[in-house]
Every structure is written in C-alpha cells, then in structure tokens.
All heavy atoms as atom14 arrays in JSON, in Angstrom:
{
  "sequence": "GMLLILECYNQLDQEEPILARLLLKERSWLILVQRF",
  "atom14_mask": [
    [1, 1, 1, 1, 0, 0, 0, 0, 0, 0, 0, 0, 0, 0],
    [1, 1, 1, 1, 1, 1, 1, 1, 0, 0, 0, 0, 0, 0],
    [1, 1, 1, 1, 1, 1, 1, 1, 0, 0, 0, 0, 0, 0],
    [1, 1, 1, 1, 1, 1, 1, 1, 0, 0, 0, 0, 0, 0],
    [1, 1, 1, 1, 1, 1, 1, 1, 0, 0, 0, 0, 0, 0],
    [1, 1, 1, 1, 1, 1, 1, 1, 0, 0, 0, 0, 0, 0],
    [1, 1, 1, 1, 1, 1, 1, 1, 1, 0, 0, 0, 0, 0],
    [1, 1, 1, 1, 1, 1, 0, 0, 0, 0, 0, 0, 0, 0],
    [1, 1, 1, 1, 1, 1, 1, 1, 1, 1, 1, 1, 0, 0],
    [1, 1, 1, 1, 1, 1, 1, 1, 0, 0, 0, 0, 0, 0],
    [1, 1, 1, 1, 1, 1, 1, 1, 1, 0, 0, 0, 0, 0],
    [1, 1, 1, 1, 1, 1, 1, 1, 0, 0, 0, 0, 0, 0],
    [1, 1, 1, 1, 1, 1, 1, 1, 0, 0, 0, 0, 0, 0],
    [1, 1, 1, 1, 1, 1, 1, 1, 1, 0, 0, 0, 0, 0],
    [1, 1, 1, 1, 1, 1, 1, 1, 1, 0, 0, 0, 0, 0],
    [1, 1, 1, 1, 1, 1, 1, 1, 1, 0, 0, 0, 0, 0],
    [1, 1, 1, 1, 1, 1, 1, 0, 0, 0, 0, 0, 0, 0],
    [1, 1, 1, 1, 1, 1, 1, 1, 0, 0, 0, 0, 0, 0],
    [1, 1, 1, 1, 1, 1, 1, 1, 0, 0, 0, 0, 0, 0],
    [1, 1, 1, 1, 1, 0, 0, 0, 0, 0, 0, 0, 0, 0],
    [1, 1, 1, 1, 1, 1, 1, 1, 1, 1, 1, 0, 0, 0],
    [1, 1, 1, 1, 1, 1, 1, 1, 0, 0, 0, 0, 0, 0],
    [1, 1, 1, 1, 1, 1, 1, 1, 0, 0, 0, 0, 0, 0],
    [1, 1, 1, 1, 1, 1, 1, 1, 0, 0, 0, 0, 0, 0],
    [1, 1, 1, 1, 1, 1, 1, 1, 1, 0, 0, 0, 0, 0],
    [1, 1, 1, 1, 1, 1, 1, 1, 1, 0, 0, 0, 0, 0],
    [1, 1, 1, 1, 1, 1, 1, 1, 1, 1, 1, 0, 0, 0],
    [1, 1, 1, 1, 1, 1, 0, 0, 0, 0, 0, 0, 0, 0],
    [1, 1, 1, 1, 1, 1, 1, 1, 1, 1, 1, 1, 1, 1],
    [1, 1, 1, 1, 1, 1, 1, 1, 0, 0, 0, 0, 0, 0],
    [1, 1, 1, 1, 1, 1, 1, 1, 0, 0, 0, 0, 0, 0],
    [1, 1, 1, 1, 1, 1, 1, 1, 0, 0, 0, 0, 0, 0],
    [1, 1, 1, 1, 1, 1, 1, 0, 0, 0, 0, 0, 0, 0],
    [1, 1, 1, 1, 1, 1, 1, 1, 1, 0, 0, 0, 0, 0],
    [1, 1, 1, 1, 1, 1, 1, 1, 1, 1, 1, 0, 0, 0],
    [1, 1, 1, 1, 1, 1, 1, 1, 1, 1, 1, 0, 0, 0]
  ],
  "atom14_positions": [
    [[-6.61, -2.78, 12.82], [-6.51, -3.04, 11.37], [-6.24, -1.8, 10.51], [-5.41, -1.92, 9.52], [0.0, 0.0, 0.0], [0.0, 0.0, 0.0], [0.0, 0.0, 0.0], [0.0, 0.0, 0.0], [0.0, 0.0, 0.0], [0.0, 0.0, 0.0], [0.0, 0.0, 0.0], [0.0, 0.0, 0.0], [0.0, 0.0, 0.0], [0.0, 0.0, 0.0]],
    [[-6.89, -0.62, 10.86], [-6.61, 0.51, 10.07], [-5.23, 1.04, 10.34], [-4.51, 1.61, 9.42], [-7.65, 1.61, 10.49], [-9.06, 1.29, 9.83], [-10.11, 2.65, 10.0], [-10.38, 2.65, 11.78], [0.0, 0.0, 0.0], [0.0, 0.0, 0.0], [0.0, 0.0, 0.0], [0.0, 0.0, 0.0], [0.0, 0.0, 0.0], [0.0, 0.0, 0.0]],
    [[-4.69, 0.83, 11.51], [-3.28, 1.22, 11.84], [-2.36, 0.36, 10.94], [-1.28, 0.88, 10.44], [-2.96, 1.06, 13.27], [-3.5, 2.12, 14.25], [-2.99, 1.84, 15.68], [-3.0, 3.56, 13.9], [0.0, 0.0, 0.0], [0.0, 0.0, 0.0], [0.0, 0.0, 0.0], [0.0, 0.0, 0.0], [0.0, 0.0, 0.0], [0.0, 0.0, 0.0]],
    [[-2.66, -0.82, 10.83], [-1.77, -1.74, 10.02], [-1.79, -1.33, 8.5], [-0.73, -1.27, 7.88], [-2.18, -3.25, 10.16], [-1.42, -4.22, 9.38], [-0.03, -4.27, 9.84], [-2.05, -5.63, 9.59], [0.0, 0.0, 0.0], [0.0, 0.0, 0.0], [0.0, 0.0, 0.0], [0.0, 0.0, 0.0], [0.0, 0.0, 0.0], [0.0, 0.0, 0.0]],
    [[-2.99, -0.96, 7.98], [-3.11, -0.51, 6.61], [-2.36, 0.76, 6.47], [-1.67, 1.07, 5.46], [-4.52, -0.45, 6.19], [-5.3, -1.78, 6.25], [-4.72, 0.2, 4.89], [-6.73, -1.77, 6.04], [0.0, 0.0, 0.0], [0.0, 0.0, 0.0], [0.0, 0.0, 0.0], [0.0, 0.0, 0.0], [0.0, 0.0, 0.0], [0.0, 0.0, 0.0]],
    [[-2.54, 1.69, 7.44], [-1.9, 3.0, 7.42], [-0.38, 2.82, 7.42], [0.36, 3.74, 6.74], [-2.4, 3.83, 8.53], [-1.86, 5.29, 8.63], [-2.39, 6.14, 7.35], [-2.39, 6.03, 9.84], [0.0, 0.0, 0.0], [0.0, 0.0, 0.0], [0.0, 0.0, 0.0], [0.0, 0.0, 0.0], [0.0, 0.0, 0.0], [0.0, 0.0, 0.0]],
    [[0.16, 1.94, 8.2], [1.58, 1.69, 8.24], [2.11, 1.29, 6.9], [3.3, 1.57, 6.57], [1.85, 0.71, 9.31], [3.36, 0.59, 9.68], [3.84, 1.86, 10.29], [3.09, 2.62, 11.01], [5.09, 2.21, 10.01], [0.0, 0.0, 0.0], [0.0, 0.0, 0.0], [0.0, 0.0, 0.0], [0.0, 0.0, 0.0], [0.0, 0.0, 0.0]],
    [[1.39, 0.49, 6.16], [1.82, 0.06, 4.84], [2.0, 1.25, 3.93], [3.03, 1.41, 3.21], [0.76, -0.93, 4.2], [0.61, -2.47, 5.08], [0.0, 0.0, 0.0], [0.0, 0.0, 0.0], [0.0, 0.0, 0.0], [0.0, 0.0, 0.0], [0.0, 0.0, 0.0], [0.0, 0.0, 0.0], [0.0, 0.0, 0.0], [0.0, 0.0, 0.0]],
    [[1.09, 2.2, 3.97], [1.21, 3.43, 3.17], [2.36, 4.24, 3.61], [3.15, 4.82, 2.79], [-0.1, 4.27, 3.18], [-1.25, 3.54, 2.42], [-2.42, 3.21, 3.07], [-1.24, 3.57, 1.04], [-3.48, 2.74, 2.38], [-2.2, 2.96, 0.29], [-3.4, 2.61, 0.97], [-4.4, 2.06, 0.27], [0.0, 0.0, 0.0], [0.0, 0.0, 0.0]],
    [[2.58, 4.33, 4.91], [3.71, 5.09, 5.51], [5.06, 4.53, 5.18], [5.98, 5.26, 4.75], [3.52, 5.32, 6.93], [2.33, 6.15, 7.4], [1.96, 6.99, 6.58], [1.85, 5.93, 8.56], [0.0, 0.0, 0.0], [0.0, 0.0, 0.0], [0.0, 0.0, 0.0], [0.0, 0.0, 0.0], [0.0, 0.0, 0.0], [0.0, 0.0, 0.0]],
    [[5.21, 3.28, 5.17], [6.43, 2.6, 4.91], [6.8, 2.63, 3.42], [7.99, 2.54, 2.96], [6.45, 1.17, 5.39], [6.44, 1.1, 6.92], [6.58, -0.35, 7.42], [6.65, -1.28, 6.6], [6.44, -0.55, 8.71], [0.0, 0.0, 0.0], [0.0, 0.0, 0.0], [0.0, 0.0, 0.0], [0.0, 0.0, 0.0], [0.0, 0.0, 0.0]],
    [[5.8, 2.85, 2.59], [6.03, 2.84, 1.15], [6.85, 4.09, 0.75], [7.56, 4.11, -0.16], [4.72, 2.92, 0.34], [4.76, 2.65, -1.1], [5.32, 1.24, -1.45], [3.41, 2.74, -1.82], [0.0, 0.0, 0.0], [0.0, 0.0, 0.0], [0.0, 0.0, 0.0], [0.0, 0.0, 0.0], [0.0, 0.0, 0.0], [0.0, 0.0, 0.0]],
    [[6.74, 5.24, 1.57], [7.49, 6.43, 1.29], [8.96, 6.21, 1.49], [9.77, 6.9, 0.96], [7.02, 7.56, 2.21], [5.64, 7.91, 1.95], [5.18, 7.75, 0.8], [4.98, 8.57, 2.85], [0.0, 0.0, 0.0], [0.0, 0.0, 0.0], [0.0, 0.0, 0.0], [0.0, 0.0, 0.0], [0.0, 0.0, 0.0], [0.0, 0.0, 0.0]],
    [[9.38, 5.22, 2.25], [10.8, 4.91, 2.52], [11.38, 4.11, 1.45], [12.61, 3.86, 1.47], [10.97, 4.26, 3.89], [10.35, 5.05, 5.09], [10.41, 4.31, 6.31], [10.94, 3.2, 6.42], [9.78, 4.9, 7.37], [0.0, 0.0, 0.0], [0.0, 0.0, 0.0], [0.0, 0.0, 0.0], [0.0, 0.0, 0.0], [0.0, 0.0, 0.0]],
    [[10.67, 3.54, 0.55], [11.18, 2.67, -0.47], [11.43, 3.5, -1.76], [11.0, 4.63, -1.91], [10.22, 1.52, -0.72], [9.94, 0.59, 0.45], [8.95, -0.44, 0.1], [8.48, -0.53, -1.01], [8.7, -1.29, 1.05], [0.0, 0.0, 0.0], [0.0, 0.0, 0.0], [0.0, 0.0, 0.0], [0.0, 0.0, 0.0], [0.0, 0.0, 0.0]],
    [[12.13, 2.83, -2.77], [12.47, 3.44, -3.98], [11.16, 3.55, -4.8], [10.52, 2.56, -5.02], [13.52, 2.71, -4.69], [13.96, 3.29, -6.05], [15.19, 2.44, -6.71], [15.53, 1.51, -6.07], [15.46, 2.9, -7.75], [0.0, 0.0, 0.0], [0.0, 0.0, 0.0], [0.0, 0.0, 0.0], [0.0, 0.0, 0.0], [0.0, 0.0, 0.0]],
    [[10.83, 4.73, -5.27], [9.58, 4.88, -6.1], [9.68, 4.28, -7.51], [9.94, 4.99, -8.45], [9.38, 6.44, -6.14], [10.79, 6.96, -6.09], [11.55, 5.98, -5.15], [0.0, 0.0, 0.0], [0.0, 0.0, 0.0], [0.0, 0.0, 0.0], [0.0, 0.0, 0.0], [0.0, 0.0, 0.0], [0.0, 0.0, 0.0], [0.0, 0.0, 0.0]],
    [[9.42, 2.96, -7.56], [9.38, 2.31, -8.85], [7.87, 2.15, -9.3], [7.18, 1.61, -8.49], [10.1, 0.94, -8.74], [11.54, 1.07, -8.31], [9.95, 0.2, -10.2], [12.3, -0.18, -8.16], [0.0, 0.0, 0.0], [0.0, 0.0, 0.0], [0.0, 0.0, 0.0], [0.0, 0.0, 0.0], [0.0, 0.0, 0.0], [0.0, 0.0, 0.0]],
    [[7.57, 2.58, -10.47], [6.22, 2.76, -10.94], [5.51, 1.32, -10.87], [4.35, 1.19, -10.33], [6.07, 3.28, -12.31], [4.6, 3.38, -12.93], [3.82, 4.3, -11.98], [4.74, 4.0, -14.26], [0.0, 0.0, 0.0], [0.0, 0.0, 0.0], [0.0, 0.0, 0.0], [0.0, 0.0, 0.0], [0.0, 0.0, 0.0], [0.0, 0.0, 0.0]],
    [[6.1, 0.28, -11.4], [5.43, -0.99, -11.47], [5.17, -1.51, -10.1], [4.1, -2.05, -9.83], [6.35, -1.96, -12.13], [0.0, 0.0, 0.0], [0.0, 0.0, 0.0], [0.0, 0.0, 0.0], [0.0, 0.0, 0.0], [0.0, 0.0, 0.0], [0.0, 0.0, 0.0], [0.0, 0.0, 0.0], [0.0, 0.0, 0.0], [0.0, 0.0, 0.0]],
    [[6.15, -1.34, -9.12], [5.99, -1.8, -7.78], [4.86, -1.01, -7.12], [4.02, -1.53, -6.33], [7.21, -1.72, -7.02], [7.17, -2.17, -5.57], [8.52, -2.1, -4.85], [9.53, -2.81, -5.57], [10.85, -2.7, -5.27], [11.19, -1.95, -4.23], [11.7, -3.44, -5.93], [0.0, 0.0, 0.0], [0.0, 0.0, 0.0], [0.0, 0.0, 0.0]],
    [[4.78, 0.29, -7.33], [3.81, 1.18, -6.68], [2.4, 0.67, -7.16], [1.44, 0.67, -6.35], [4.03, 2.59, -7.07], [5.16, 3.35, -6.36], [5.29, 4.78, -6.87], [4.91, 3.39, -4.81], [0.0, 0.0, 0.0], [0.0, 0.0, 0.0], [0.0, 0.0, 0.0], [0.0, 0.0, 0.0], [0.0, 0.0, 0.0], [0.0, 0.0, 0.0]],
    [[2.22, 0.56, -8.49], [1.02, 0.13, -9.01], [0.51, -1.26, -8.52], [-0.68, -1.42, -8.16], [1.09, 0.11, -10.47], [1.18, 1.48, -11.24], [1.34, 1.26, -12.75], [0.04, 2.33, -10.92], [0.0, 0.0, 0.0], [0.0, 0.0, 0.0], [0.0, 0.0, 0.0], [0.0, 0.0, 0.0], [0.0, 0.0, 0.0], [0.0, 0.0, 0.0]],
    [[1.45, -2.17, -8.29], [1.15, -3.51, -7.85], [0.61, -3.44, -6.43], [-0.36, -4.06, -6.02], [2.33, -4.42, -7.98], [2.11, -5.91, -7.53], [1.09, -6.61, -8.38], [3.4, -6.69, -7.59], [0.0, 0.0, 0.0], [0.0, 0.0, 0.0], [0.0, 0.0, 0.0], [0.0, 0.0, 0.0], [0.0, 0.0, 0.0], [0.0, 0.0, 0.0]],
    [[1.43, -2.68, -5.59], [0.94, -2.6, -4.14], [-0.26, -1.75, -3.95], [-1.1, -2.15, -3.15], [2.11, -1.87, -3.45], [3.43, -2.85, -3.25], [4.47, -2.14, -2.41], [5.63, -3.14, -2.36], [6.8, -2.48, -1.51], [0.0, 0.0, 0.0], [0.0, 0.0, 0.0], [0.0, 0.0, 0.0], [0.0, 0.0, 0.0], [0.0, 0.0, 0.0]],
    [[-0.37, -0.72, -4.82], [-1.64, 0.12, -4.7], [-2.85, -0.75, -4.99], [-3.89, -0.62, -4.42], [-1.47, 1.31, -5.72], [-2.55, 2.39, -5.4], [-3.84, 2.12, -6.2], [-3.8, 1.26, -7.16], [-4.88, 2.62, -5.89], [0.0, 0.0, 0.0], [0.0, 0.0, 0.0], [0.0, 0.0, 0.0], [0.0, 0.0, 0.0], [0.0, 0.0, 0.0]],
    [[-2.72, -1.64, -6.08], [-3.89, -2.38, -6.45], [-4.25, -3.46, -5.3], [-5.33, -3.56, -5.03], [-3.5, -3.17, -7.78], [-4.65, -3.93, -8.23], [-4.25, -4.85, -9.43], [-3.54, -4.06, -10.42], [-2.93, -4.66, -11.52], [-2.86, -5.98, -11.61], [-2.37, -3.87, -12.31], [0.0, 0.0, 0.0], [0.0, 0.0, 0.0], [0.0, 0.0, 0.0]],
    [[-3.25, -4.08, -4.81], [-3.44, -5.07, -3.73], [-4.09, -4.44, -2.47], [-4.91, -5.0, -1.93], [-2.24, -5.82, -3.38], [-1.22, -4.98, -2.92], [0.0, 0.0, 0.0], [0.0, 0.0, 0.0], [0.0, 0.0, 0.0], [0.0, 0.0, 0.0], [0.0, 0.0, 0.0], [0.0, 0.0, 0.0], [0.0, 0.0, 0.0], [0.0, 0.0, 0.0]],
    [[-3.5, -3.27, -2.07], [-3.94, -2.68, -0.84], [-5.36, -2.05, -1.08], [-6.18, -2.03, -0.19], [-2.94, -1.56, -0.45], [-1.73, -2.13, 0.0], [-1.42, -3.36, 0.28], [-0.45, -1.37, 0.18], [-0.08, -3.5, 0.61], [0.51, -2.26, 0.59], [-0.17, -0.04, -0.01], [1.84, -1.92, 0.88], [1.26, 0.36, 0.32], [2.16, -0.59, 0.74]],
    [[-5.64, -1.59, -2.3], [-6.98, -1.08, -2.51], [-8.03, -2.15, -2.46], [-9.11, -1.94, -1.76], [-7.06, -0.42, -3.92], [-8.4, 0.12, -4.42], [-8.85, 1.32, -3.44], [-8.3, 0.58, -5.92], [0.0, 0.0, 0.0], [0.0, 0.0, 0.0], [0.0, 0.0, 0.0], [0.0, 0.0, 0.0], [0.0, 0.0, 0.0], [0.0, 0.0, 0.0]],
    [[-7.77, -3.36, -2.94], [-8.64, -4.48, -2.83], [-8.81, -4.85, -1.37], [-9.99, -5.14, -0.91], [-8.12, -5.67, -3.64], [-8.12, -5.24, -5.17], [-9.01, -6.89, -3.39], [-7.55, -6.41, -6.04], [0.0, 0.0, 0.0], [0.0, 0.0, 0.0], [0.0, 0.0, 0.0], [0.0, 0.0, 0.0], [0.0, 0.0, 0.0], [0.0, 0.0, 0.0]],
    [[-7.75, -4.81, -0.61], [-7.85, -5.28, 0.82], [-8.7, -4.21, 1.65], [-9.54, -4.59, 2.4], [-6.49, -5.3, 1.4], [-6.37, -5.68, 2.91], [-6.95, -7.03, 3.17], [-4.91, -5.52, 3.46], [0.0, 0.0, 0.0], [0.0, 0.0, 0.0], [0.0, 0.0, 0.0], [0.0, 0.0, 0.0], [0.0, 0.0, 0.0], [0.0, 0.0, 0.0]],
    [[-8.47, -2.9, 1.35], [-9.23, -1.93, 2.06], [-10.68, -1.89, 1.63], [-11.59, -1.68, 2.5], [-8.57, -0.53, 1.75], [-9.44, 0.6, 2.57], [-7.22, -0.39, 2.3], [0.0, 0.0, 0.0], [0.0, 0.0, 0.0], [0.0, 0.0, 0.0], [0.0, 0.0, 0.0], [0.0, 0.0, 0.0], [0.0, 0.0, 0.0], [0.0, 0.0, 0.0]],
    [[-11.02, -2.22, 0.48], [-12.35, -2.29, -0.07], [-13.09, -3.39, 0.67], [-14.22, -3.28, 1.05], [-12.43, -2.43, -1.5], [-12.07, -1.1, -2.3], [-12.07, -1.41, -3.73], [-11.99, -2.5, -4.29], [-12.12, -0.27, -4.55], [0.0, 0.0, 0.0], [0.0, 0.0, 0.0], [0.0, 0.0, 0.0], [0.0, 0.0, 0.0], [0.0, 0.0, 0.0]],
    [[-12.38, -4.59, 0.76], [-12.9, -5.68, 1.57], [-13.14, -5.31, 3.0], [-14.09, -5.74, 3.66], [-11.98, -6.93, 1.43], [-12.01, -7.52, 0.08], [-10.96, -8.55, -0.13], [-10.86, -9.51, 0.95], [-9.85, -10.27, 1.19], [-8.7, -10.15, 0.42], [-9.77, -11.06, 2.21], [0.0, 0.0, 0.0], [0.0, 0.0, 0.0], [0.0, 0.0, 0.0]],
    [[-12.13, -4.56, 3.61], [-12.2, -4.21, 4.99], [-13.43, -3.29, 5.23], [-14.22, -3.48, 6.17], [-10.93, -3.34, 5.29], [-10.72, -2.96, 6.78], [-10.1, -3.86, 7.68], [-11.34, -1.77, 7.21], [-9.94, -3.51, 8.93], [-11.08, -1.47, 8.54], [-10.56, -2.35, 9.43], [0.0, 0.0, 0.0], [0.0, 0.0, 0.0], [0.0, 0.0, 0.0]]
  ]
}
C-alpha cells in the first residue's frame, strides 16, 4: 500500500505542474494517507 502511495507522488513529477491539479491531488492523497 505504501509503495502504491509513493508511486503516485513519483508519477506526479512527470506531469505538467498545474497548481489547481497539484492542490486537488495533494488534498485527496493527504486524506487517503491519513486514513491509511
């Protein structure tokens, strides 16, 4: 499970750094990791 979460952060570096998208993904992943 932690490898899957880590892979999400790693693959984000390969995408275009758009602020709104970064904030949306950061918020959803933060909630998921906190539940984890």
